[in-house]
Amino acid sequence: MTMWLPCGEKFTIGDVLRWTEPDWFQKGRRKKEFFKKGERRVTATVSAVDKSYVHLEVRKCEVISDQSARGVKVLKAGEEIKRKPATLKKHQAERMVWAGKEGEGARTAVTGVVISRFLR
């Protein structure tokens, strides 16, 4: 079973993130009222990090709830998307634990950030 850790805005290139985000639609041309169509859970790999955006490559996208006739937009695997770090934090992004012989130790060596339950 895969373990997920809450990450907020702390992630690096190569991390696999998972979050749930709403999908919106605009009612009318002039009213600018937005309504929630539903929600989708996105799993993506971090490919680059800029000052203001995180570039992600979608691994999987699944619809959690659908409340409209049009349907929730499903992102395709391999599609490039970008989100702000604050948006990922707001949607409570989780990071997959690095696996393998080295595991989280390898991530610590790459980023220099120690993730410990005693330092939170």
N, C-alpha and C. Protein backbone atom coordinates (compact mmCIF):
# COMPACT_ATOMS: atom_id res chain seq x y z
N MET A 1 0.83 -1.18 0.00
CA MET A 1 0.00 0.00 0.00
C MET A 1 0.88 1.24 0.00
N THR A 2 0.49 2.22 -0.78
CA THR A 2 1.25 3.45 -0.91
C THR A 2 0.97 4.37 0.27
N MET A 3 2.05 4.96 0.81
CA MET A 3 1.89 5.91 1.91
C MET A 3 1.95 7.33 1.36
N TRP A 4 1.09 8.20 1.89
CA TRP A 4 1.05 9.60 1.49
C TRP A 4 1.28 10.48 2.71
N LEU A 5 2.12 11.51 2.54
CA LEU A 5 2.41 12.48 3.60
C LEU A 5 1.88 13.85 3.20
N PRO A 6 1.28 14.60 4.12
CA PRO A 6 0.88 15.97 3.78
C PRO A 6 2.12 16.81 3.51
N CYS A 7 2.11 17.58 2.42
CA CYS A 7 3.32 18.32 2.07
C CYS A 7 3.13 19.82 2.03
N GLY A 8 1.91 20.31 1.88
CA GLY A 8 1.71 21.76 1.81
C GLY A 8 2.40 22.33 0.60
N GLU A 9 3.38 23.21 0.80
CA GLU A 9 4.14 23.83 -0.29
C GLU A 9 5.55 23.28 -0.39
N LYS A 10 5.88 22.22 0.35
CA LYS A 10 7.24 21.68 0.38
C LYS A 10 7.32 20.43 -0.49
N PHE A 11 7.85 20.60 -1.71
CA PHE A 11 8.06 19.47 -2.61
C PHE A 11 9.20 19.80 -3.55
N THR A 12 9.70 18.79 -4.25
CA THR A 12 10.83 18.97 -5.15
C THR A 12 10.56 18.23 -6.46
N ILE A 13 11.42 18.43 -7.43
CA ILE A 13 11.28 17.76 -8.72
C ILE A 13 11.37 16.26 -8.52
N GLY A 14 10.44 15.53 -9.11
CA GLY A 14 10.40 14.08 -8.98
C GLY A 14 9.39 13.58 -7.97
N ASP A 15 8.87 14.46 -7.14
CA ASP A 15 7.84 14.06 -6.16
C ASP A 15 6.53 13.75 -6.89
N VAL A 16 5.78 12.81 -6.34
CA VAL A 16 4.46 12.49 -6.85
C VAL A 16 3.45 13.07 -5.86
N LEU A 17 2.58 13.96 -6.37
CA LEU A 17 1.60 14.65 -5.53
C LEU A 17 0.19 14.18 -5.86
N ARG A 18 -0.69 14.26 -4.86
CA ARG A 18 -2.09 13.91 -5.04
C ARG A 18 -2.93 14.95 -4.31
N TRP A 19 -3.98 15.46 -4.97
CA TRP A 19 -4.87 16.42 -4.35
C TRP A 19 -6.25 16.33 -5.00
N THR A 20 -7.24 16.89 -4.32
CA THR A 20 -8.60 16.93 -4.83
C THR A 20 -8.94 18.38 -5.12
N GLU A 21 -9.42 18.65 -6.35
CA GLU A 21 -9.75 20.02 -6.74
C GLU A 21 -11.13 20.09 -7.36
N PRO A 22 -11.82 21.23 -7.19
CA PRO A 22 -13.15 21.39 -7.78
C PRO A 22 -13.04 21.77 -9.26
N ASP A 23 -14.10 21.49 -10.00
CA ASP A 23 -14.22 21.91 -11.40
C ASP A 23 -15.41 22.88 -11.46
N TRP A 24 -15.22 24.05 -12.07
CA TRP A 24 -16.22 25.11 -12.06
C TRP A 24 -16.78 25.35 -13.45
N PHE A 25 -17.99 25.92 -13.53
CA PHE A 25 -18.52 26.41 -14.79
C PHE A 25 -19.17 27.76 -14.54
N GLN A 26 -19.22 28.57 -15.62
CA GLN A 26 -19.76 29.92 -15.54
C GLN A 26 -21.19 29.90 -16.06
N LYS A 27 -22.10 30.45 -15.27
CA LYS A 27 -23.50 30.51 -15.67
C LYS A 27 -23.77 31.88 -16.28
N GLY A 28 -24.16 31.91 -17.54
CA GLY A 28 -24.44 33.16 -18.23
C GLY A 28 -23.17 33.85 -18.68
N ARG A 29 -23.30 34.71 -19.65
CA ARG A 29 -22.13 35.40 -20.18
C ARG A 29 -21.77 36.63 -19.36
N ARG A 30 -22.76 37.32 -18.88
CA ARG A 30 -22.51 38.60 -18.21
C ARG A 30 -22.56 38.54 -16.69
N LYS A 31 -23.18 37.54 -16.15
CA LYS A 31 -23.38 37.50 -14.70
C LYS A 31 -22.10 37.15 -13.94
N LYS A 32 -21.23 36.39 -14.56
CA LYS A 32 -19.98 35.95 -13.95
C LYS A 32 -20.22 35.23 -12.63
N GLU A 33 -21.22 34.40 -12.63
CA GLU A 33 -21.47 33.54 -11.48
C GLU A 33 -20.85 32.17 -11.77
N PHE A 34 -20.09 31.69 -10.84
CA PHE A 34 -19.45 30.39 -11.02
C PHE A 34 -20.09 29.38 -10.08
N PHE A 35 -20.32 28.19 -10.61
CA PHE A 35 -20.91 27.11 -9.85
C PHE A 35 -20.02 25.88 -9.94
N LYS A 36 -20.01 25.11 -8.90
CA LYS A 36 -19.16 23.93 -8.82
C LYS A 36 -19.84 22.76 -9.54
N LYS A 37 -19.16 22.23 -10.57
CA LYS A 37 -19.68 21.07 -11.31
C LYS A 37 -19.47 19.79 -10.53
N GLY A 38 -18.31 19.69 -9.89
CA GLY A 38 -17.95 18.48 -9.16
C GLY A 38 -16.50 18.55 -8.72
N GLU A 39 -15.95 17.39 -8.36
CA GLU A 39 -14.56 17.33 -7.90
C GLU A 39 -13.82 16.20 -8.61
N ARG A 40 -12.50 16.39 -8.73
CA ARG A 40 -11.65 15.34 -9.30
C ARG A 40 -10.40 15.20 -8.45
N ARG A 41 -9.87 13.98 -8.38
CA ARG A 41 -8.62 13.72 -7.67
C ARG A 41 -7.53 13.55 -8.71
N VAL A 42 -6.50 14.38 -8.61
CA VAL A 42 -5.40 14.40 -9.57
C VAL A 42 -4.15 13.85 -8.90
N THR A 43 -3.47 12.96 -9.60
CA THR A 43 -2.16 12.46 -9.18
C THR A 43 -1.17 12.85 -10.26
N ALA A 44 -0.10 13.58 -9.89
CA ALA A 44 0.83 14.11 -10.88
C ALA A 44 2.25 14.12 -10.34
N THR A 45 3.21 14.13 -11.27
CA THR A 45 4.63 14.19 -10.94
C THR A 45 5.13 15.61 -11.16
N VAL A 46 5.92 16.13 -10.22
CA VAL A 46 6.49 17.47 -10.35
C VAL A 46 7.63 17.41 -11.36
N SER A 47 7.52 18.21 -12.44
CA SER A 47 8.57 18.21 -13.47
C SER A 47 9.45 19.46 -13.37
N ALA A 48 8.92 20.57 -12.89
CA ALA A 48 9.72 21.79 -12.73
C ALA A 48 9.04 22.69 -11.70
N VAL A 49 9.85 23.53 -11.06
CA VAL A 49 9.34 24.48 -10.08
C VAL A 49 9.88 25.86 -10.42
N ASP A 50 8.97 26.82 -10.69
CA ASP A 50 9.35 28.22 -10.94
C ASP A 50 9.10 29.02 -9.68
N LYS A 51 9.28 30.35 -9.79
CA LYS A 51 8.98 31.22 -8.65
C LYS A 51 7.49 31.20 -8.32
N SER A 52 6.66 31.22 -9.36
CA SER A 52 5.23 31.35 -9.10
C SER A 52 4.41 30.12 -9.46
N TYR A 53 4.95 29.15 -10.20
CA TYR A 53 4.19 27.98 -10.62
C TYR A 53 4.96 26.68 -10.42
N VAL A 54 4.19 25.61 -10.27
CA VAL A 54 4.74 24.26 -10.24
C VAL A 54 4.24 23.57 -11.50
N HIS A 55 5.16 23.06 -12.32
CA HIS A 55 4.80 22.36 -13.55
C HIS A 55 4.67 20.88 -13.23
N LEU A 56 3.53 20.30 -13.62
CA LEU A 56 3.20 18.92 -13.26
C LEU A 56 2.85 18.11 -14.50
N GLU A 57 3.14 16.82 -14.44
CA GLU A 57 2.73 15.89 -15.49
C GLU A 57 1.72 14.92 -14.87
N VAL A 58 0.53 14.91 -15.42
CA VAL A 58 -0.57 14.12 -14.86
C VAL A 58 -0.29 12.63 -15.02
N ARG A 59 -0.45 11.89 -13.94
CA ARG A 59 -0.37 10.43 -13.97
C ARG A 59 -1.76 9.81 -14.04
N LYS A 60 -2.67 10.35 -13.21
CA LYS A 60 -4.01 9.79 -13.13
C LYS A 60 -4.96 10.88 -12.69
N CYS A 61 -6.18 10.84 -13.22
CA CYS A 61 -7.23 11.77 -12.83
C CYS A 61 -8.54 11.00 -12.75
N GLU A 62 -9.20 11.10 -11.61
CA GLU A 62 -10.46 10.38 -11.43
C GLU A 62 -11.52 11.33 -10.88
N VAL A 63 -12.74 11.13 -11.31
CA VAL A 63 -13.86 11.96 -10.88
C VAL A 63 -14.36 11.46 -9.53
N ILE A 64 -14.46 12.36 -8.56
CA ILE A 64 -14.94 12.02 -7.22
C ILE A 64 -16.44 12.25 -7.15
N SER A 65 -16.89 13.44 -7.59
CA SER A 65 -18.32 13.73 -7.60
C SER A 65 -18.64 14.53 -8.86
N ASP A 66 -19.82 14.30 -9.41
CA ASP A 66 -20.27 14.97 -10.62
C ASP A 66 -21.70 15.44 -10.41
N GLN A 67 -21.92 16.77 -10.45
CA GLN A 67 -23.24 17.32 -10.15
C GLN A 67 -23.82 18.09 -11.33
N SER A 68 -23.30 17.88 -12.53
CA SER A 68 -23.79 18.64 -13.67
C SER A 68 -24.09 17.73 -14.84
N ALA A 69 -24.81 18.28 -15.80
CA ALA A 69 -25.13 17.52 -17.00
C ALA A 69 -23.93 17.46 -17.95
N ARG A 70 -23.07 18.48 -17.89
CA ARG A 70 -21.91 18.54 -18.79
C ARG A 70 -20.81 17.57 -18.38
N GLY A 71 -20.68 17.33 -17.11
CA GLY A 71 -19.64 16.43 -16.62
C GLY A 71 -18.37 17.17 -16.26
N VAL A 72 -17.60 16.56 -15.39
CA VAL A 72 -16.34 17.13 -14.92
C VAL A 72 -15.25 16.81 -15.94
N LYS A 73 -14.40 17.79 -16.23
CA LYS A 73 -13.31 17.59 -17.17
C LYS A 73 -12.27 16.66 -16.55
N VAL A 74 -11.95 15.59 -17.27
CA VAL A 74 -10.95 14.64 -16.81
C VAL A 74 -9.64 14.93 -17.53
N LEU A 75 -8.57 15.12 -16.77
CA LEU A 75 -7.25 15.38 -17.35
C LEU A 75 -6.65 14.07 -17.84
N LYS A 76 -6.00 14.10 -18.99
CA LYS A 76 -5.43 12.89 -19.58
C LYS A 76 -4.05 12.61 -19.00
N ALA A 77 -3.69 11.34 -18.91
CA ALA A 77 -2.37 10.94 -18.43
C ALA A 77 -1.32 11.46 -19.41
N GLY A 78 -0.26 12.05 -18.87
CA GLY A 78 0.80 12.62 -19.69
C GLY A 78 0.60 14.09 -20.00
N GLU A 79 -0.55 14.65 -19.69
CA GLU A 79 -0.83 16.06 -19.94
C GLU A 79 -0.04 16.93 -18.98
N GLU A 80 0.49 18.05 -19.50
CA GLU A 80 1.24 19.00 -18.69
C GLU A 80 0.28 20.05 -18.13
N ILE A 81 0.31 20.26 -16.82
CA ILE A 81 -0.50 21.29 -16.17
C ILE A 81 0.39 22.10 -15.25
N LYS A 82 -0.08 23.27 -14.82
CA LYS A 82 0.67 24.05 -13.84
C LYS A 82 -0.29 24.60 -12.82
N ARG A 83 0.16 24.62 -11.58
CA ARG A 83 -0.62 25.13 -10.46
C ARG A 83 0.30 25.98 -9.59
N LYS A 84 -0.29 26.91 -8.86
CA LYS A 84 0.47 27.69 -7.89
C LYS A 84 0.68 26.86 -6.63
N PRO A 85 1.82 27.01 -5.96
CA PRO A 85 2.04 26.27 -4.71
C PRO A 85 0.96 26.54 -3.66
N ALA A 86 0.46 27.77 -3.61
CA ALA A 86 -0.59 28.11 -2.64
C ALA A 86 -1.89 27.34 -2.94
N THR A 87 -2.16 27.09 -4.22
CA THR A 87 -3.34 26.32 -4.60
C THR A 87 -3.21 24.88 -4.14
N LEU A 88 -2.02 24.30 -4.32
CA LEU A 88 -1.80 22.92 -3.87
C LEU A 88 -1.92 22.82 -2.35
N LYS A 89 -1.43 23.85 -1.65
CA LYS A 89 -1.54 23.86 -0.19
C LYS A 89 -3.01 23.96 0.23
N LYS A 90 -3.77 24.81 -0.47
CA LYS A 90 -5.19 25.01 -0.15
C LYS A 90 -5.99 23.72 -0.34
N HIS A 91 -5.63 22.95 -1.36
CA HIS A 91 -6.34 21.70 -1.65
C HIS A 91 -5.73 20.50 -0.92
N GLN A 92 -4.87 20.77 0.06
CA GLN A 92 -4.28 19.76 0.94
C GLN A 92 -3.56 18.67 0.15
N ALA A 93 -2.57 19.08 -0.64
CA ALA A 93 -1.79 18.14 -1.44
C ALA A 93 -1.01 17.18 -0.55
N GLU A 94 -0.92 15.94 -1.01
CA GLU A 94 -0.16 14.91 -0.30
C GLU A 94 0.97 14.44 -1.21
N ARG A 95 2.07 14.06 -0.60
CA ARG A 95 3.24 13.61 -1.34
C ARG A 95 3.46 12.12 -1.08
N MET A 96 3.74 11.38 -2.15
CA MET A 96 4.01 9.95 -2.01
C MET A 96 5.39 9.76 -1.39
N VAL A 97 5.49 8.83 -0.45
CA VAL A 97 6.77 8.54 0.20
C VAL A 97 7.70 7.89 -0.82
N TRP A 98 8.95 8.36 -0.86
CA TRP A 98 9.93 7.78 -1.78
C TRP A 98 10.23 6.36 -1.35
N ALA A 99 10.20 5.45 -2.31
CA ALA A 99 10.42 4.03 -2.03
C ALA A 99 11.85 3.63 -2.42
N GLY A 100 12.18 2.39 -2.15
CA GLY A 100 13.49 1.88 -2.53
C GLY A 100 14.38 1.67 -1.32
N LYS A 101 15.59 1.30 -1.59
CA LYS A 101 16.55 1.00 -0.54
C LYS A 101 16.85 2.24 0.31
N GLU A 102 17.04 3.37 -0.36
CA GLU A 102 17.36 4.61 0.35
C GLU A 102 16.11 5.32 0.85
N GLY A 103 15.07 5.33 0.03
CA GLY A 103 13.80 5.93 0.42
C GLY A 103 13.88 7.40 0.72
N GLU A 104 13.34 7.81 1.87
CA GLU A 104 13.30 9.22 2.25
C GLU A 104 14.70 9.78 2.48
N GLY A 105 15.66 8.93 2.77
CA GLY A 105 17.03 9.39 2.92
C GLY A 105 17.57 9.98 1.63
N ALA A 106 17.21 9.38 0.50
CA ALA A 106 17.64 9.89 -0.81
C ALA A 106 16.98 11.24 -1.08
N ARG A 107 15.73 11.40 -0.71
CA ARG A 107 15.05 12.68 -0.91
C ARG A 107 15.69 13.76 -0.06
N THR A 108 16.06 13.41 1.16
CA THR A 108 16.72 14.37 2.05
C THR A 108 18.06 14.80 1.47
N ALA A 109 18.80 13.87 0.88
CA ALA A 109 20.09 14.20 0.27
C ALA A 109 19.93 15.12 -0.93
N VAL A 110 18.86 14.92 -1.70
CA VAL A 110 18.61 15.75 -2.88
C VAL A 110 18.15 17.15 -2.49
N THR A 111 17.21 17.24 -1.57
CA THR A 111 16.61 18.53 -1.23
C THR A 111 17.29 19.23 -0.06
N GLY A 112 17.88 18.48 0.83
CA GLY A 112 18.46 19.07 2.02
C GLY A 112 17.43 19.39 3.09
N VAL A 113 16.19 18.95 2.87
CA VAL A 113 15.10 19.21 3.81
C VAL A 113 14.80 17.93 4.58
N VAL A 114 14.89 18.00 5.88
CA VAL A 114 14.61 16.86 6.72
C VAL A 114 13.14 16.91 7.13
N ILE A 115 12.42 15.83 6.82
CA ILE A 115 11.02 15.74 7.21
C ILE A 115 10.95 14.77 8.39
N SER A 116 10.70 15.29 9.55
CA SER A 116 10.63 14.47 10.74
C SER A 116 9.40 14.87 11.53
N ARG A 117 8.77 13.93 12.16
CA ARG A 117 7.59 14.26 12.95
C ARG A 117 7.94 15.08 14.18
N PHE A 118 9.22 15.07 14.59
CA PHE A 118 9.63 15.83 15.76
C PHE A 118 9.94 17.29 15.42
N LEU A 119 10.14 17.60 14.13
CA LEU A 119 10.46 18.96 13.72
C LEU A 119 9.26 19.75 13.22
N ARG A 120 8.09 19.14 13.17
CA ARG A 120 6.90 19.83 12.65
C ARG A 120 6.33 20.80 13.62
